[in-house]
């Protein structure tokens, strides 16, 4: 029940629930990765089961694909879909221009490919993800395993000439071993604190040998849906320049998915 949820989970739920209003039968939909995106997949699964919604989902990670199948969503590959009507995903940070940092869940490469192969991208997030300037969240950079330490050195040297406040990078770990992405790569988390020119940084990073992709999503997101713990939901459309606010009323008999954690 929603009344049993923490404010942060209520915020994630209402953002995900609002996003389902943009999904129509017959669509091919990119399905994001992370705790907020998991709420979305559950909500869409309920609509497939109870309302006859017919969609084809393109997951951005193996764990999202597993969840989507579990709730009854038809899963296809991006190669099968070729192009998508819509992608809905979370974010680690977003600014006023709807530029994003993504990759905290380790799926930034597939997330960026899927998002850019869509007519539009919607980000769902709680208000804590909004920032004035990107960079407080460590920037994930996916790198190939071969020579990753050299790549790390090159990344840190490149940062000296850029408008950032921090310049250290660390290899993401999974216990005692390096974290491995779905594509078999490693992730460097760059601790920048503040990014003065995100567009420049993104371009320069991707020129470094060994870098596969970075977690800066520039000019990709069309709309952000922000959830609040009191049931409010705010929709900002960067193309229309509009902001709309609604409120969900939480009832004791709401049928939602309390098993989803952070």
Protein backbone atom coordinates (compact mmCIF):
# COMPACT_ATOMS: atom_id res chain seq x y z
CA UNK A 1 0.00 0.00 0.00
CA UNK A 2 1.20 3.49 -0.75
CA UNK A 3 0.59 4.53 2.83
CA UNK A 4 3.30 2.06 3.89
CA UNK A 5 5.90 3.55 1.54
CA UNK A 6 8.64 5.94 2.49
CA UNK A 7 8.37 9.46 1.01
CA UNK A 8 11.17 8.67 -1.47
CA UNK A 9 9.36 5.56 -2.73
CA UNK A 10 6.09 7.48 -2.99
CA UNK A 11 7.92 10.07 -5.09
CA UNK A 12 9.32 7.38 -7.39
CA UNK A 13 5.93 5.71 -7.69
CA UNK A 14 3.97 8.84 -8.64
CA UNK A 15 6.61 9.82 -11.23
CA UNK A 16 6.41 6.35 -12.78
CA UNK A 17 2.62 6.32 -12.65
CA UNK A 18 2.42 9.69 -14.39
CA UNK A 19 4.81 8.48 -17.10
CA UNK A 20 2.50 5.61 -18.03
CA UNK A 21 0.04 8.19 -19.37
CA UNK A 22 2.38 8.71 -22.32
CA UNK A 23 2.37 5.02 -23.26
CA UNK A 24 -0.21 3.82 -25.77
CA UNK A 25 -1.03 0.42 -27.24
CA UNK A 26 1.07 -0.44 -30.25
CA UNK A 27 4.11 1.49 -29.03
CA UNK A 28 7.68 0.24 -28.87
CA UNK A 29 9.01 1.51 -25.56
CA UNK A 30 12.53 1.70 -24.17
CA UNK A 31 12.55 0.53 -20.55
CA UNK A 32 15.15 2.07 -18.28
CA UNK A 33 17.24 0.61 -15.48
CA UNK A 34 17.21 1.44 -11.77
CA UNK A 35 14.81 1.65 -8.85
CA UNK A 36 12.56 4.34 -10.34
CA UNK A 37 12.42 2.58 -13.71
CA UNK A 38 11.46 -0.61 -11.90
CA UNK A 39 8.33 1.13 -10.63
CA UNK A 40 7.52 2.04 -14.23
CA UNK A 41 7.91 -1.53 -15.46
CA UNK A 42 5.63 -2.78 -12.69
CA UNK A 43 3.01 -0.16 -13.51
CA UNK A 44 3.13 -1.02 -17.21
CA UNK A 45 2.87 -4.71 -16.38
CA UNK A 46 -0.30 -4.01 -14.41
CA UNK A 47 -1.72 -2.16 -17.42
CA UNK A 48 -0.84 -5.07 -19.71
CA UNK A 49 -2.59 -7.48 -17.37
CA UNK A 50 -5.64 -5.44 -16.34
CA UNK A 51 -6.24 -2.98 -19.18
CA UNK A 52 -5.11 -4.90 -22.26
CA UNK A 53 -2.21 -2.57 -23.01
CA UNK A 54 -0.17 -3.95 -25.91
CA UNK A 55 3.42 -2.77 -26.10
CA UNK A 56 6.82 -4.09 -27.02
CA UNK A 57 9.55 -3.24 -24.56
CA UNK A 58 13.24 -2.79 -25.29
CA UNK A 59 15.08 -3.13 -21.96
CA UNK A 60 18.32 -1.27 -21.22
CA UNK A 61 19.77 -4.04 -19.04
CA UNK A 62 19.46 -7.75 -18.35
CA UNK A 63 17.77 -7.12 -15.01
CA UNK A 64 15.15 -4.84 -16.60
CA UNK A 65 14.50 -7.49 -19.26
CA UNK A 66 13.93 -10.10 -16.55
CA UNK A 67 11.53 -7.85 -14.64
CA UNK A 68 9.63 -6.92 -17.81
CA UNK A 69 9.10 -10.56 -18.74
CA UNK A 70 8.01 -11.36 -15.18
CA UNK A 71 5.20 -8.76 -15.34
CA UNK A 72 4.01 -9.82 -18.80
CA UNK A 73 5.58 -7.21 -21.09
CA UNK A 74 6.68 -8.49 -24.49
CA UNK A 75 10.44 -7.99 -24.71
CA UNK A 76 12.25 -7.46 -28.00
CA UNK A 77 15.75 -6.34 -28.93
CA UNK A 78 16.61 -2.92 -30.30
CA UNK A 79 17.65 -4.58 -33.55
CA UNK A 80 14.15 -6.05 -33.81
CA UNK A 81 12.51 -2.74 -32.95
CA UNK A 82 14.86 -0.64 -35.12
CA UNK A 83 13.31 2.58 -33.76
CA UNK A 84 11.25 3.37 -30.66
CA UNK A 85 8.30 5.61 -29.98
CA UNK A 86 9.40 6.44 -26.46
CA UNK A 87 12.02 5.68 -23.82
CA UNK A 88 11.32 6.17 -20.11
CA UNK A 89 14.25 6.01 -17.71
CA UNK A 90 15.55 7.42 -14.46
CA UNK A 91 18.53 9.72 -13.87
CA UNK A 92 21.17 10.28 -11.22
CA UNK A 93 21.10 14.05 -11.83
CA UNK A 94 19.29 16.48 -14.09
CA UNK A 95 19.67 20.23 -14.53
CA UNK A 96 17.32 23.00 -15.69
CA UNK A 97 18.12 22.23 -19.35
CA UNK A 98 17.26 18.54 -18.77
CA UNK A 99 20.84 17.46 -19.29
CA UNK A 100 21.53 14.32 -17.29
CA UNK A 101 24.08 12.21 -15.51
CA UNK A 102 23.19 8.53 -15.80
CA UNK A 103 24.98 5.26 -15.16
CA UNK A 104 24.76 4.82 -11.42
CA UNK A 105 23.13 1.47 -12.11
CA UNK A 106 25.86 0.48 -14.57
CA UNK A 107 23.74 0.48 -17.74
CA UNK A 108 24.70 3.81 -19.28
CA UNK A 109 25.84 2.42 -22.65
CA UNK A 110 22.63 0.57 -23.45
CA UNK A 111 20.58 3.39 -21.89
CA UNK A 112 22.14 5.98 -24.18
CA UNK A 113 21.80 3.83 -27.29
CA UNK A 114 18.14 3.12 -26.58
CA UNK A 115 17.32 6.73 -25.66
CA UNK A 116 18.87 8.13 -28.83
CA UNK A 117 16.97 5.57 -30.92
CA UNK A 118 13.63 6.99 -29.70
CA UNK A 119 11.28 9.71 -30.86
CA UNK A 120 11.32 11.08 -27.33
CA UNK A 121 12.86 10.39 -23.93
CA UNK A 122 11.10 10.90 -20.63
CA UNK A 123 13.03 10.92 -17.38
CA UNK A 124 11.28 9.97 -14.15
CA UNK A 125 12.91 11.03 -10.89
CA UNK A 126 12.35 12.28 -7.39
CA UNK A 127 13.15 15.91 -6.60
CA UNK A 128 16.49 15.02 -4.98
CA UNK A 129 17.92 14.37 -8.46
CA UNK A 130 17.50 18.00 -9.55
CA UNK A 131 20.70 20.07 -9.45
CA UNK A 132 21.71 23.55 -10.51
CA UNK A 133 24.96 22.28 -12.03
CA UNK A 134 25.81 18.69 -12.92
CA UNK A 135 28.72 16.95 -11.24
CA UNK A 136 27.98 16.23 -7.59
CA UNK A 137 27.11 12.66 -8.59
CA UNK A 138 30.25 10.83 -9.82
CA UNK A 139 30.23 10.67 -13.62
CA UNK A 140 30.30 7.05 -14.88
CA UNK A 141 32.49 6.31 -17.87
CA UNK A 142 32.38 2.87 -19.46
CA UNK A 143 35.81 1.60 -20.56
CA UNK A 144 37.08 -1.62 -22.07
CA UNK A 145 38.97 -3.87 -19.64
CA UNK A 146 42.17 -3.90 -21.73
CA UNK A 147 44.48 -1.19 -20.46
CA UNK A 148 41.86 0.34 -18.17
CA UNK A 149 44.52 1.80 -15.88
CA UNK A 150 46.07 3.62 -18.83
CA UNK A 151 42.63 4.85 -19.84
CA UNK A 152 42.09 6.07 -16.27
CA UNK A 153 45.36 8.01 -16.38
CA UNK A 154 44.44 9.57 -19.71
CA UNK A 155 41.03 10.60 -18.36
CA UNK A 156 42.56 12.25 -15.29
CA UNK A 157 45.18 14.08 -17.39
CA UNK A 158 42.51 15.32 -19.79
CA UNK A 159 40.52 16.81 -16.91
CA UNK A 160 43.34 19.20 -16.01
CA UNK A 161 42.40 21.48 -18.89
CA UNK A 162 38.64 21.46 -18.31
CA UNK A 163 36.26 23.44 -16.13
CA UNK A 164 35.71 20.91 -13.33
CA UNK A 165 36.38 21.02 -9.60
CA UNK A 166 37.58 17.42 -9.12
CA UNK A 167 39.83 15.22 -11.24
CA UNK A 168 40.07 11.78 -9.63
CA UNK A 169 38.66 8.60 -11.13
CA UNK A 170 38.05 5.27 -9.43
CA UNK A 171 37.30 1.83 -10.81
CA UNK A 172 33.82 0.68 -9.83
CA UNK A 173 33.95 -2.54 -7.85
CA UNK A 174 31.53 -5.39 -7.20
CA UNK A 175 32.83 -6.74 -3.94
CA UNK A 176 36.47 -7.64 -4.45
CA UNK A 177 36.25 -7.72 -8.26
CA UNK A 178 35.74 -4.99 -10.85
CA UNK A 179 32.13 -4.31 -11.77
CA UNK A 180 31.30 -5.80 -15.18
CA UNK A 181 28.64 -4.21 -17.40
CA UNK A 182 26.22 -6.17 -19.58
CA UNK A 183 28.63 -5.51 -22.45
CA UNK A 184 31.59 -6.93 -20.53
CA UNK A 185 33.25 -3.60 -19.78
CA UNK A 186 34.43 -1.75 -16.65
CA UNK A 187 33.18 1.56 -15.27
CA UNK A 188 35.29 4.45 -14.07
CA UNK A 189 33.50 6.82 -11.71
CA UNK A 190 34.91 10.34 -12.09
CA UNK A 191 34.60 12.60 -9.06
CA UNK A 192 34.17 16.06 -10.57
CA UNK A 193 32.01 17.88 -7.98
CA UNK A 194 31.00 20.43 -10.61
CA UNK A 195 30.94 20.29 -14.41
CA UNK A 196 31.30 23.72 -15.99
CA UNK A 197 30.78 22.63 -19.61
CA UNK A 198 29.04 19.27 -19.87
CA UNK A 199 28.88 19.25 -23.66
CA UNK A 200 32.62 19.82 -24.02
CA UNK A 201 33.43 17.20 -21.39
CA UNK A 202 31.27 14.59 -23.10
CA UNK A 203 32.93 15.16 -26.47
CA UNK A 204 36.46 15.08 -25.09
CA UNK A 205 35.91 11.96 -22.98
CA UNK A 206 34.69 9.95 -25.96
CA UNK A 207 37.87 10.76 -27.89
CA UNK A 208 40.07 8.94 -25.36
CA UNK A 209 41.14 5.46 -26.52
CA UNK A 210 39.56 2.83 -24.32
CA UNK A 211 36.48 4.91 -23.47
CA UNK A 212 33.31 3.33 -24.82
CA UNK A 213 30.77 5.92 -23.62
CA UNK A 214 30.15 8.38 -20.81
CA UNK A 215 27.14 9.05 -18.61
CA UNK A 216 26.42 12.60 -19.77
CA UNK A 217 23.11 12.72 -21.66
CA UNK A 218 23.10 16.07 -23.47
CA UNK A 219 20.06 17.23 -25.50
CA UNK A 220 18.50 13.76 -25.28
CA UNK A 221 15.77 14.18 -22.66
CA UNK A 222 12.52 15.83 -23.82
CA UNK A 223 10.52 15.74 -20.61
CA UNK A 224 11.21 15.15 -16.93
CA UNK A 225 8.57 13.93 -14.51
CA UNK A 226 9.43 14.77 -10.90
CA UNK A 227 7.74 12.96 -8.04
CA UNK A 228 7.32 14.26 -4.50
CA UNK A 229 6.75 12.34 -1.30
CA UNK A 230 3.38 14.04 -0.71
CA UNK A 231 1.93 12.73 -3.97
CA UNK A 232 2.60 15.76 -6.14
CA UNK A 233 4.05 15.20 -9.58
CA UNK A 234 5.59 17.90 -11.77
CA UNK A 235 6.00 17.54 -15.54
CA UNK A 236 8.52 19.76 -17.31
CA UNK A 237 8.61 19.77 -21.11
CA UNK A 238 11.83 21.25 -22.50
CA UNK A 239 10.44 21.54 -26.04
CA UNK A 240 7.16 23.22 -25.11
CA UNK A 241 8.66 25.23 -22.26
CA UNK A 242 5.80 24.18 -19.98
CA UNK A 243 5.51 22.97 -16.39
CA UNK A 244 2.42 21.21 -15.04
CA UNK A 245 1.71 20.00 -11.51
CA UNK A 246 -0.77 17.33 -10.41
CA UNK A 247 -1.35 15.34 -7.24
CA UNK A 248 -2.03 11.65 -6.62
CA UNK A 249 -4.21 10.83 -3.63
CA UNK A 250 -2.93 7.78 -1.76
CA UNK A 251 -5.59 5.39 -0.50
CA UNK A 252 -5.30 2.45 1.85
CA UNK A 253 -6.48 0.03 -0.84
CA UNK A 254 -4.10 1.20 -3.56
CA UNK A 255 -2.74 -1.80 -5.42
CA UNK A 256 0.94 -1.04 -5.88
CA UNK A 257 4.19 -2.84 -5.55
CA UNK A 258 5.78 -2.52 -2.14
CA UNK A 259 8.30 -5.24 -2.91
CA UNK A 260 10.36 -2.84 -5.03
CA UNK A 261 13.22 -1.41 -3.00
CA UNK A 262 15.76 1.33 -3.61
